[in-house]
Amino acid sequence: MIADTSPLGHIGPQSLPQNKSEKLRLNTDQFDDKLGSFFSNLNWTDRQILALHFAERLSAWEIHVVMSMSMSDVLCRIQRLRKIARESIQASRNSAPRFSLK
């Protein structure tokens, strides 16, 4: 099928409303957002350190300078956040069903 010759009225799923006055609504996810709950339990400083270290790829020394925190505090927080994330991932792996090829 050539894209240039396909009629425009038939593109997209059939469930889209044909009436333009109808609004499309997104359904909320029904599953438990574990990542959102992980971040909601952190304080502002921990969230900033996570963002700077993992998203912005700043070193502990750069975070120490930017946030005016002691170097030991930054290192301890990064280590603690890694431990919490590691435990969270491990817990989610243990709760997931295991599949085998037996």
PDB file of N, CA and C in Angstrom:
ATOM      1  N   MET A   1       0.851  -1.179   0.000  1.00  0.00           N
ATOM      2  CA  MET A   1       0.000   0.000   0.000  1.00  0.00           C
ATOM      3  C   MET A   1       0.891   1.235   0.000  1.00  0.00           C
ATOM      4  N   ILE A   2       0.609   2.139  -0.858  1.00  0.00           N
ATOM      5  CA  ILE A   2       1.388   3.365  -0.960  1.00  0.00           C
ATOM      6  C   ILE A   2       0.756   4.417  -0.057  1.00  0.00           C
ATOM      7  N   ALA A   3       1.587   5.052   0.774  1.00  0.00           N
ATOM      8  CA  ALA A   3       1.076   6.010   1.753  1.00  0.00           C
ATOM      9  C   ALA A   3       0.423   7.216   1.098  1.00  0.00           C
ATOM     10  N   ASP A   4       0.896   7.625  -0.066  1.00  0.00           N
ATOM     11  CA  ASP A   4       0.347   8.821  -0.712  1.00  0.00           C
ATOM     12  C   ASP A   4      -1.072   8.609  -1.223  1.00  0.00           C
ATOM     13  N   THR A   5      -1.454   7.366  -1.471  1.00  0.00           N
ATOM     14  CA  THR A   5      -2.784   7.122  -2.033  1.00  0.00           C
ATOM     15  C   THR A   5      -3.793   6.663  -0.995  1.00  0.00           C
ATOM     16  N   SER A   6      -3.366   6.455   0.261  1.00  0.00           N
ATOM     17  CA  SER A   6      -4.324   5.997   1.264  1.00  0.00           C
ATOM     18  C   SER A   6      -5.220   7.162   1.685  1.00  0.00           C
ATOM     19  N   PRO A   7      -6.511   6.895   1.850  1.00  0.00           N
ATOM     20  CA  PRO A   7      -7.428   7.971   2.243  1.00  0.00           C
ATOM     21  C   PRO A   7      -7.163   8.400   3.688  1.00  0.00           C
ATOM     22  N   LEU A   8      -7.204   9.689   3.936  1.00  0.00           N
ATOM     23  CA  LEU A   8      -6.888  10.223   5.254  1.00  0.00           C
ATOM     24  C   LEU A   8      -7.919   9.852   6.304  1.00  0.00           C
ATOM     25  N   GLY A   9      -9.131   9.596   5.919  1.00  0.00           N
ATOM     26  CA  GLY A   9     -10.169   9.278   6.884  1.00  0.00           C
ATOM     27  C   GLY A   9      -9.990   7.937   7.561  1.00  0.00           C
ATOM     28  N   HIS A  10      -9.148   7.070   7.033  1.00  0.00           N
ATOM     29  CA  HIS A  10      -9.000   5.719   7.570  1.00  0.00           C
ATOM     30  C   HIS A  10      -7.699   5.513   8.332  1.00  0.00           C
ATOM     31  N   ILE A  11      -6.948   6.560   8.592  1.00  0.00           N
ATOM     32  CA  ILE A  11      -5.698   6.428   9.332  1.00  0.00           C
ATOM     33  C   ILE A  11      -5.995   6.476  10.823  1.00  0.00           C
ATOM     34  N   GLY A  12      -5.397   5.584  11.582  1.00  0.00           N
ATOM     35  CA  GLY A  12      -5.589   5.560  13.030  1.00  0.00           C
ATOM     36  C   GLY A  12      -6.555   4.478  13.444  1.00  0.00           C
ATOM     37  N   PRO A  13      -6.646   4.233  14.732  1.00  0.00           N
ATOM     38  CA  PRO A  13      -7.541   3.173  15.207  1.00  0.00           C
ATOM     39  C   PRO A  13      -9.006   3.558  15.029  1.00  0.00           C
ATOM     40  N   GLN A  14      -9.842   2.528  14.941  1.00  0.00           N
ATOM     41  CA  GLN A  14     -11.273   2.761  14.746  1.00  0.00           C
ATOM     42  C   GLN A  14     -11.952   3.323  15.991  1.00  0.00           C
ATOM     43  N   SER A  15     -11.286   3.214  17.160  1.00  0.00           N
ATOM     44  CA  SER A  15     -11.922   3.648  18.402  1.00  0.00           C
ATOM     45  C   SER A  15     -11.850   5.156  18.626  1.00  0.00           C
ATOM     46  N   LEU A  16     -11.160   5.881  17.765  1.00  0.00           N
ATOM     47  CA  LEU A  16     -11.106   7.334  17.919  1.00  0.00           C
ATOM     48  C   LEU A  16     -12.485   7.932  17.668  1.00  0.00           C
ATOM     49  N   PRO A  17     -12.874   8.931  18.438  1.00  0.00           N
ATOM     50  CA  PRO A  17     -14.196   9.528  18.241  1.00  0.00           C
ATOM     51  C   PRO A  17     -14.275  10.240  16.893  1.00  0.00           C
ATOM     52  N   GLN A  18     -15.385  10.031  16.187  1.00  0.00           N
ATOM     53  CA  GLN A  18     -15.575  10.660  14.895  1.00  0.00           C
ATOM     54  C   GLN A  18     -16.076  12.093  15.046  1.00  0.00           C
ATOM     55  N   ASN A  19     -16.718  12.374  16.179  1.00  0.00           N
ATOM     56  CA  ASN A  19     -17.243  13.701  16.440  1.00  0.00           C
ATOM     57  C   ASN A  19     -16.113  14.568  16.989  1.00  0.00           C
ATOM     58  N   LYS A  20     -15.820  15.682  16.364  1.00  0.00           N
ATOM     59  CA  LYS A  20     -14.706  16.520  16.795  1.00  0.00           C
ATOM     60  C   LYS A  20     -14.972  17.243  18.110  1.00  0.00           C
ATOM     61  N   SER A  21     -16.222  17.319  18.534  1.00  0.00           N
ATOM     62  CA  SER A  21     -16.513  17.969  19.805  1.00  0.00           C
ATOM     63  C   SER A  21     -16.188  17.051  20.985  1.00  0.00           C
ATOM     64  N   GLU A  22     -16.091  15.727  20.728  1.00  0.00           N
ATOM     65  CA  GLU A  22     -15.702  14.791  21.788  1.00  0.00           C
ATOM     66  C   GLU A  22     -14.218  14.959  22.079  1.00  0.00           C
ATOM     67  N   LYS A  23     -13.874  14.931  23.340  1.00  0.00           N
ATOM     68  CA  LYS A  23     -12.477  15.077  23.743  1.00  0.00           C
ATOM     69  C   LYS A  23     -11.874  13.697  24.003  1.00  0.00           C
ATOM     70  N   LEU A  24     -10.607  13.550  23.652  1.00  0.00           N
ATOM     71  CA  LEU A  24      -9.885  12.331  23.991  1.00  0.00           C
ATOM     72  C   LEU A  24      -9.442  12.409  25.440  1.00  0.00           C
ATOM     73  N   ARG A  25      -9.603  11.341  26.168  1.00  0.00           N
ATOM     74  CA  ARG A  25      -9.202  11.310  27.575  1.00  0.00           C
ATOM     75  C   ARG A  25      -8.241  10.160  27.777  1.00  0.00           C
ATOM     76  N   LEU A  26      -7.178  10.452  28.510  1.00  0.00           N
ATOM     77  CA  LEU A  26      -6.226   9.412  28.842  1.00  0.00           C
ATOM     78  C   LEU A  26      -6.663   8.712  30.115  1.00  0.00           C
ATOM     79  N   ASN A  27      -6.581   7.403  30.109  1.00  0.00           N
ATOM     80  CA  ASN A  27      -6.904   6.637  31.307  1.00  0.00           C
ATOM     81  C   ASN A  27      -5.674   6.566  32.194  1.00  0.00           C
ATOM     82  N   THR A  28      -5.898   6.647  33.482  1.00  0.00           N
ATOM     83  CA  THR A  28      -4.776   6.548  34.406  1.00  0.00           C
ATOM     84  C   THR A  28      -4.301   5.101  34.469  1.00  0.00           C
ATOM     85  N   ASP A  29      -3.038   4.921  34.764  1.00  0.00           N
ATOM     86  CA  ASP A  29      -2.482   3.583  34.885  1.00  0.00           C
ATOM     87  C   ASP A  29      -3.053   2.898  36.123  1.00  0.00           C
ATOM     88  N   GLN A  30      -3.282   1.635  35.994  1.00  0.00           N
ATOM     89  CA  GLN A  30      -3.867   0.887  37.093  1.00  0.00           C
ATOM     90  C   GLN A  30      -2.813   0.203  37.966  1.00  0.00           C
ATOM     91  N   PHE A  31      -1.552   0.201  37.525  1.00  0.00           N
ATOM     92  CA  PHE A  31      -0.527  -0.484  38.301  1.00  0.00           C
ATOM     93  C   PHE A  31       0.110   0.455  39.317  1.00  0.00           C
ATOM     94  N   ASP A  32       0.727  -0.137  40.309  1.00  0.00           N
ATOM     95  CA  ASP A  32       1.378   0.609  41.377  1.00  0.00           C
ATOM     96  C   ASP A  32       2.676   1.215  40.843  1.00  0.00           C
ATOM     97  N   ASP A  33       2.814   2.508  40.956  1.00  0.00           N
ATOM     98  CA  ASP A  33       4.007   3.193  40.467  1.00  0.00           C
ATOM     99  C   ASP A  33       5.080   3.147  41.551  1.00  0.00           C
ATOM    100  N   LYS A  34       5.934   2.130  41.494  1.00  0.00           N
ATOM    101  CA  LYS A  34       6.950   1.953  42.524  1.00  0.00           C
ATOM    102  C   LYS A  34       8.022   3.026  42.433  1.00  0.00           C
ATOM    103  N   LEU A  35       8.353   3.447  41.225  1.00  0.00           N
ATOM    104  CA  LEU A  35       9.364   4.487  41.078  1.00  0.00           C
ATOM    105  C   LEU A  35       8.864   5.815  41.635  1.00  0.00           C
ATOM    106  N   GLY A  36       7.601   6.133  41.386  1.00  0.00           N
ATOM    107  CA  GLY A  36       7.025   7.361  41.931  1.00  0.00           C
ATOM    108  C   GLY A  36       6.966   7.336  43.441  1.00  0.00           C
ATOM    109  N   SER A  37       6.637   6.184  44.005  1.00  0.00           N
ATOM    110  CA  SER A  37       6.599   6.094  45.463  1.00  0.00           C
ATOM    111  C   SER A  37       8.000   6.155  46.052  1.00  0.00           C
ATOM    112  N   PHE A  38       8.991   5.650  45.330  1.00  0.00           N
ATOM    113  CA  PHE A  38      10.383   5.743  45.792  1.00  0.00           C
ATOM    114  C   PHE A  38      10.802   7.203  45.890  1.00  0.00           C
ATOM    115  N   PHE A  39      10.530   7.989  44.850  1.00  0.00           N
ATOM    116  CA  PHE A  39      10.922   9.397  44.856  1.00  0.00           C
ATOM    117  C   PHE A  39      10.098  10.223  45.826  1.00  0.00           C
ATOM    118  N   SER A  40       8.848   9.859  46.036  1.00  0.00           N
ATOM    119  CA  SER A  40       8.013  10.646  46.946  1.00  0.00           C
ATOM    120  C   SER A  40       8.453  10.483  48.398  1.00  0.00           C
ATOM    121  N   ASN A  41       9.146   9.404  48.703  1.00  0.00           N
ATOM    122  CA  ASN A  41       9.623   9.189  50.069  1.00  0.00           C
ATOM    123  C   ASN A  41      10.946   9.886  50.348  1.00  0.00           C
ATOM    124  N   LEU A  42      11.575  10.455  49.334  1.00  0.00           N
ATOM    125  CA  LEU A  42      12.855  11.137  49.522  1.00  0.00           C
ATOM    126  C   LEU A  42      12.638  12.609  49.834  1.00  0.00           C
ATOM    127  N   ASN A  43      13.561  13.173  50.596  1.00  0.00           N
ATOM    128  CA  ASN A  43      13.475  14.611  50.854  1.00  0.00           C
ATOM    129  C   ASN A  43      14.062  15.380  49.669  1.00  0.00           C
ATOM    130  N   TRP A  44      13.931  16.695  49.698  1.00  0.00           N
ATOM    131  CA  TRP A  44      14.341  17.536  48.577  1.00  0.00           C
ATOM    132  C   TRP A  44      15.830  17.397  48.285  1.00  0.00           C
ATOM    133  N   THR A  45      16.655  17.371  49.310  1.00  0.00           N
ATOM    134  CA  THR A  45      18.103  17.289  49.127  1.00  0.00           C
ATOM    135  C   THR A  45      18.489  15.980  48.460  1.00  0.00           C
ATOM    136  N   ASP A  46      17.893  14.879  48.888  1.00  0.00           N
ATOM    137  CA  ASP A  46      18.204  13.587  48.278  1.00  0.00           C
ATOM    138  C   ASP A  46      17.781  13.553  46.809  1.00  0.00           C
ATOM    139  N   ARG A  47      16.639  14.139  46.506  1.00  0.00           N
ATOM    140  CA  ARG A  47      16.199  14.199  45.103  1.00  0.00           C
ATOM    141  C   ARG A  47      17.165  15.010  44.250  1.00  0.00           C
ATOM    142  N   GLN A  48      17.638  16.122  44.800  1.00  0.00           N
ATOM    143  CA  GLN A  48      18.593  16.957  44.065  1.00  0.00           C
ATOM    144  C   GLN A  48      19.904  16.208  43.832  1.00  0.00           C
ATOM    145  N   ILE A  49      20.376  15.510  44.848  1.00  0.00           N
ATOM    146  CA  ILE A  49      21.620  14.747  44.702  1.00  0.00           C
ATOM    147  C   ILE A  49      21.446  13.645  43.662  1.00  0.00           C
ATOM    148  N   LEU A  50      20.319  12.953  43.696  1.00  0.00           N
ATOM    149  CA  LEU A  50      20.053  11.936  42.677  1.00  0.00           C
ATOM    150  C   LEU A  50      20.058  12.534  41.278  1.00  0.00           C
ATOM    151  N   ALA A  51      19.374  13.651  41.114  1.00  0.00           N
ATOM    152  CA  ALA A  51      19.294  14.291  39.800  1.00  0.00           C
ATOM    153  C   ALA A  51      20.666  14.747  39.322  1.00  0.00           C
ATOM    154  N   LEU A  52      21.428  15.351  40.212  1.00  0.00           N
ATOM    155  CA  LEU A  52      22.742  15.843  39.814  1.00  0.00           C
ATOM    156  C   LEU A  52      23.716  14.702  39.525  1.00  0.00           C
ATOM    157  N   HIS A  53      23.679  13.665  40.335  1.00  0.00           N
ATOM    158  CA  HIS A  53      24.649  12.590  40.176  1.00  0.00           C
ATOM    159  C   HIS A  53      24.319  11.660  39.014  1.00  0.00           C
ATOM    160  N   PHE A  54      23.059  11.247  38.904  1.00  0.00           N
ATOM    161  CA  PHE A  54      22.711  10.253  37.897  1.00  0.00           C
ATOM    162  C   PHE A  54      22.210  10.861  36.596  1.00  0.00           C
ATOM    163  N   ALA A  55      21.432  11.920  36.661  1.00  0.00           N
ATOM    164  CA  ALA A  55      20.909  12.525  35.429  1.00  0.00           C
ATOM    165  C   ALA A  55      21.909  13.493  34.810  1.00  0.00           C
ATOM    166  N   GLU A  56      22.502  14.342  35.634  1.00  0.00           N
ATOM    167  CA  GLU A  56      23.443  15.340  35.121  1.00  0.00           C
ATOM    168  C   GLU A  56      24.879  14.829  35.072  1.00  0.00           C
ATOM    169  N   ARG A  57      25.119  13.667  35.651  1.00  0.00           N
ATOM    170  CA  ARG A  57      26.441  13.029  35.648  1.00  0.00           C
ATOM    171  C   ARG A  57      27.517  13.860  36.340  1.00  0.00           C
ATOM    172  N   LEU A  58      27.130  14.543  37.417  1.00  0.00           N
ATOM    173  CA  LEU A  58      28.112  15.303  38.175  1.00  0.00           C
ATOM    174  C   LEU A  58      28.793  14.377  39.176  1.00  0.00           C
ATOM    175  N   SER A  59      30.056  14.635  39.431  1.00  0.00           N
ATOM    176  CA  SER A  59      30.787  13.854  40.424  1.00  0.00           C
ATOM    177  C   SER A  59      30.393  14.323  41.820  1.00  0.00           C
ATOM    178  N   ALA A  60      30.794  13.547  42.815  1.00  0.00           N
ATOM    179  CA  ALA A  60      30.497  13.918  44.200  1.00  0.00           C
ATOM    180  C   ALA A  60      31.136  15.262  44.548  1.00  0.00           C
ATOM    181  N   TRP A  61      32.326  15.494  44.035  1.00  0.00           N
ATOM    182  CA  TRP A  61      32.998  16.770  44.307  1.00  0.00           C
ATOM    183  C   TRP A  61      32.218  17.933  43.701  1.00  0.00           C
ATOM    184  N   GLU A  62      31.704  17.776  42.477  1.00  0.00           N
ATOM    185  CA  GLU A  62      30.926  18.840  41.834  1.00  0.00           C
ATOM    186  C   GLU A  62      29.620  19.098  42.589  1.00  0.00           C
ATOM    187  N   ILE A  63      28.983  18.044  43.080  1.00  0.00           N
ATOM    188  CA  ILE A  63      27.764  18.211  43.879  1.00  0.00           C
ATOM    189  C   ILE A  63      28.088  18.929  45.177  1.00  0.00           C
ATOM    190  N   HIS A  64      29.214  18.579  45.793  1.00  0.00           N
ATOM    191  CA  HIS A  64      29.675  19.233  47.020  1.00  0.00           C
ATOM    192  C   HIS A  64      29.819  20.737  46.798  1.00  0.00           C
ATOM    193  N   VAL A  65      30.350  21.138  45.654  1.00  0.00           N
ATOM    194  CA  VAL A  65      30.545  22.558  45.351  1.00  0.00           C
ATOM    195  C   VAL A  65      29.210  23.237  45.051  1.00  0.00           C
ATOM    196  N   VAL A  66      28.395  22.615  44.211  1.00  0.00           N
ATOM    197  CA  VAL A  66      27.133  23.214  43.774  1.00  0.00           C
ATOM    198  C   VAL A  66      26.150  23.379  44.920  1.00  0.00           C
ATOM    199  N   MET A  67      26.050  22.368  45.780  1.00  0.00           N
ATOM    200  CA  MET A  67      25.040  22.396  46.838  1.00  0.00           C
ATOM    201  C   MET A  67      25.574  22.893  48.180  1.00  0.00           C
ATOM    202  N   SER A  68      26.841  23.261  48.226  1.00  0.00           N
ATOM    203  CA  SER A  68      27.464  23.766  49.457  1.00  0.00           C
ATOM    204  C   SER A  68      27.273  22.801  50.631  1.00  0.00           C
ATOM    205  N   MET A  69      27.520  21.551  50.359  1.00  0.00           N
ATOM    206  CA  MET A  69      27.441  20.511  51.376  1.00  0.00           C
ATOM    207  C   MET A  69      28.839  19.968  51.619  1.00  0.00           C
ATOM    208  N   SER A  70      29.013  19.317  52.748  1.00  0.00           N
ATOM    209  CA  SER A  70      30.314  18.697  53.004  1.00  0.00           C
ATOM    210  C   SER A  70      30.494  17.501  52.069  1.00  0.00           C
ATOM    211  N   MET A  71      31.734  17.247  51.730  1.00  0.00           N
ATOM    212  CA  MET A  71      32.046  16.148  50.816  1.00  0.00           C
ATOM    213  C   MET A  71      31.610  14.807  51.423  1.00  0.00           C
ATOM    214  N   SER A  72      31.817  14.636  52.707  1.00  0.00           N
ATOM    215  CA  SER A  72      31.436  13.375  53.346  1.00  0.00           C
ATOM    216  C   SER A  72      29.920  13.189  53.338  1.00  0.00           C
ATOM    217  N   ASP A  73      29.168  14.275  53.510  1.00  0.00           N
ATOM    218  CA  ASP A  73      27.709  14.184  53.479  1.00  0.00           C
ATOM    219  C   ASP A  73      27.229  13.759  52.091  1.00  0.00           C
ATOM    220  N   VAL A  74      27.813  14.344  51.054  1.00  0.00           N
ATOM    221  CA  VAL A  74      27.435  13.996  49.681  1.00  0.00           C
ATOM    222  C   VAL A  74      27.741  12.523  49.414  1.00  0.00           C
ATOM    223  N   LEU A  75      28.941  12.075  49.793  1.00  0.00           N
ATOM    224  CA  LEU A  75      29.323  10.685  49.561  1.00  0.00           C
ATOM    225  C   LEU A  75      28.430   9.716  50.330  1.00  0.00           C
ATOM    226  N   CYS A  76      28.115  10.044  51.568  1.00  0.00           N
ATOM    227  CA  CYS A  76      27.234   9.186  52.367  1.00  0.00           C
ATOM    228  C   CYS A  76      25.836   9.111  51.777  1.00  0.00           C
ATOM    229  N   ARG A  77      25.329  10.256  51.327  1.00  0.00           N
ATOM    230  CA  ARG A  77      23.982  10.269  50.740  1.00  0.00           C
ATOM    231  C   ARG A  77      23.942   9.474  49.439  1.00  0.00           C
ATOM    232  N   ILE A  78      24.948   9.607  48.591  1.00  0.00           N
ATOM    233  CA  ILE A  78      24.988   8.848  47.338  1.00  0.00           C
ATOM    234  C   ILE A  78      25.038   7.359  47.640  1.00  0.00           C
ATOM    235  N   GLN A  79      25.877   6.971  48.598  1.00  0.00           N
ATOM    236  CA  GLN A  79      25.979   5.563  48.969  1.00  0.00           C
ATOM    237  C   GLN A  79      24.661   5.042  49.535  1.00  0.00           C
ATOM    238  N   ARG A  80      24.006   5.831  50.383  1.00  0.00           N
ATOM    239  CA  ARG A  80      22.728   5.420  50.968  1.00  0.00           C
ATOM    240  C   ARG A  80      21.649   5.309  49.893  1.00  0.00           C
ATOM    241  N   LEU A  81      21.608   6.273  48.955  1.00  0.00           N
ATOM    242  CA  LEU A  81      20.610   6.234  47.888  1.00  0.00           C
ATOM    243  C   LEU A  81      20.835   5.045  46.962  1.00  0.00           C
ATOM    244  N   ARG A  82      22.090   4.709  46.694  1.00  0.00           N
ATOM    245  CA  ARG A  82      22.376   3.518  45.890  1.00  0.00           C
ATOM    246  C   ARG A  82      21.892   2.259  46.594  1.00  0.00           C
ATOM    247  N   LYS A  83      22.107   2.194  47.902  1.00  0.00           N
ATOM    248  CA  LYS A  83      21.685   1.033  48.674  1.00  0.00           C
ATOM    249  C   LYS A  83      20.169   0.901  48.653  1.00  0.00           C
ATOM    250  N   ILE A  84      19.466   2.024  48.841  1.00  0.00           N
ATOM    251  CA  ILE A  84      17.994   2.006  48.815  1.00  0.00           C
ATOM    252  C   ILE A  84      17.497   1.571  47.435  1.00  0.00           C
ATOM    253  N   ALA A  85      18.094   2.110  46.375  1.00  0.00           N
ATOM    254  CA  ALA A  85      17.684   1.746  45.016  1.00  0.00           C
ATOM    255  C   ALA A  85      17.966   0.274  44.743  1.00  0.00           C
ATOM    256  N   ARG A  86      19.119  -0.209  45.186  1.00  0.00           N
ATOM    257  CA  ARG A  86      19.479  -1.614  44.983  1.00  0.00           C
ATOM    258  C   ARG A  86      18.485  -2.531  45.701  1.00  0.00           C
ATOM    259  N   GLU A  87      18.125  -2.192  46.932  1.00  0.00           N
ATOM    260  CA  GLU A  87      17.156  -2.994  47.688  1.00  0.00           C
ATOM    261  C   GLU A  87      15.778  -2.945  47.043  1.00  0.00           C
ATOM    262  N   SER A  88      15.409  -1.785  46.520  1.00  0.00           N
ATOM    263  CA  SER A  88      14.112  -1.639  45.854  1.00  0.00           C
ATOM    264  C   SER A  88      14.048  -2.492  44.591  1.00  0.00           C
ATOM    265  N   ILE A  89      15.124  -2.480  43.823  1.00  0.00           N
ATOM    266  CA  ILE A  89      15.172  -3.292  42.598  1.00  0.00           C
ATOM    267  C   ILE A  89      15.123  -4.767  42.953  1.00  0.00           C
ATOM    268  N   GLN A  90      15.878  -5.149  43.977  1.00  0.00           N
ATOM    269  CA  GLN A  90      15.904  -6.546  44.399  1.00  0.00           C
ATOM    270  C   GLN A  90      14.530  -6.998  44.877  1.00  0.00           C
ATOM    271  N   ALA A  91      13.836  -6.152  45.619  1.00  0.00           N
ATOM    272  CA  ALA A  91      12.500  -6.496  46.104  1.00  0.00           C
ATOM    273  C   ALA A  91      11.517  -6.640  44.957  1.00  0.00           C
ATOM    274  N   SER A  92      11.637  -5.773  43.947  1.00  0.00           N
ATOM    275  CA  SER A  92      10.727  -5.874  42.804  1.00  0.00           C
ATOM    276  C   SER A  92      11.026  -7.110  41.977  1.00  0.00           C
ATOM    277  N   ARG A  93      12.290  -7.537  41.916  1.00  0.00           N
ATOM    278  CA  ARG A  93      12.633  -8.765  41.199  1.00  0.00           C
ATOM    279  C   ARG A  93      12.086  -9.992  41.925  1.00  0.00           C
ATOM    280  N   ASN A  94      12.131  -9.967  43.245  1.00  0.00           N
ATOM    281  CA  ASN A  94      11.637 -11.106  44.007  1.00  0.00           C
ATOM    282  C   ASN A  94      10.130 -11.230  43.936  1.00  0.00           C
ATOM    283  N   SER A  95       9.425 -10.112  43.772  1.00  0.00           N
ATOM    284  CA  SER A  95       7.965 -10.158  43.713  1.00  0.00           C
ATOM    285  C   SER A  95       7.453 -10.487  42.316  1.00  0.00           C
ATOM    286  N   ALA A  96       8.299 -10.330  41.301  1.00  0.00           N
ATOM    287  CA  ALA A  96       7.883 -10.625  39.929  1.00  0.00           C
ATOM    288  C   ALA A  96       7.839 -12.137  39.714  1.00  0.00           C
ATOM    289  N   PRO A  97       6.911 -12.618  38.894  1.00  0.00           N
ATOM    290  CA  PRO A  97       6.860 -14.060  38.650  1.00  0.00           C
ATOM    291  C   PRO A  97       8.093 -14.527  37.875  1.00  0.00           C
ATOM    292  N   ARG A  98       8.575 -15.683  38.236  1.00  0.00           N
ATOM    293  CA  ARG A  98       9.747 -16.227  37.555  1.00  0.00           C
ATOM    294  C   ARG A  98       9.291 -17.225  36.498  1.00  0.00           C
ATOM    295  N   PHE A  99       9.882 -17.130  35.329  1.00  0.00           N
ATOM    296  CA  PHE A  99       9.561 -18.019  34.231  1.00  0.00           C
ATOM    297  C   PHE A  99      10.740 -18.948  33.981  1.00  0.00           C
ATOM    298  N   SER A 100      10.464 -20.160  33.607  1.00  0.00           N
ATOM    299  CA  SER A 100      11.534 -21.088  33.308  1.00  0.00           C
ATOM    300  C   SER A 100      11.183 -21.856  32.038  1.00  0.00           C
ATOM    301  N   LEU A 101      12.194 -22.472  31.449  1.00  0.00           N
ATOM    302  CA  LEU A 101      12.005 -23.220  30.206  1.00  0.00           C
ATOM    303  C   LEU A 101      11.945 -24.716  30.465  1.00  0.00           C
ATOM    304  N   LYS A 102      11.589 -25.133  31.659  1.00  0.00           N
ATOM    305  CA  LYS A 102      11.545 -26.560  31.997  1.00  0.00           C
ATOM    306  C   LYS A 102      10.373 -27.236  31.367  1.00  0.00           C
TER     307      LYS A 102
END
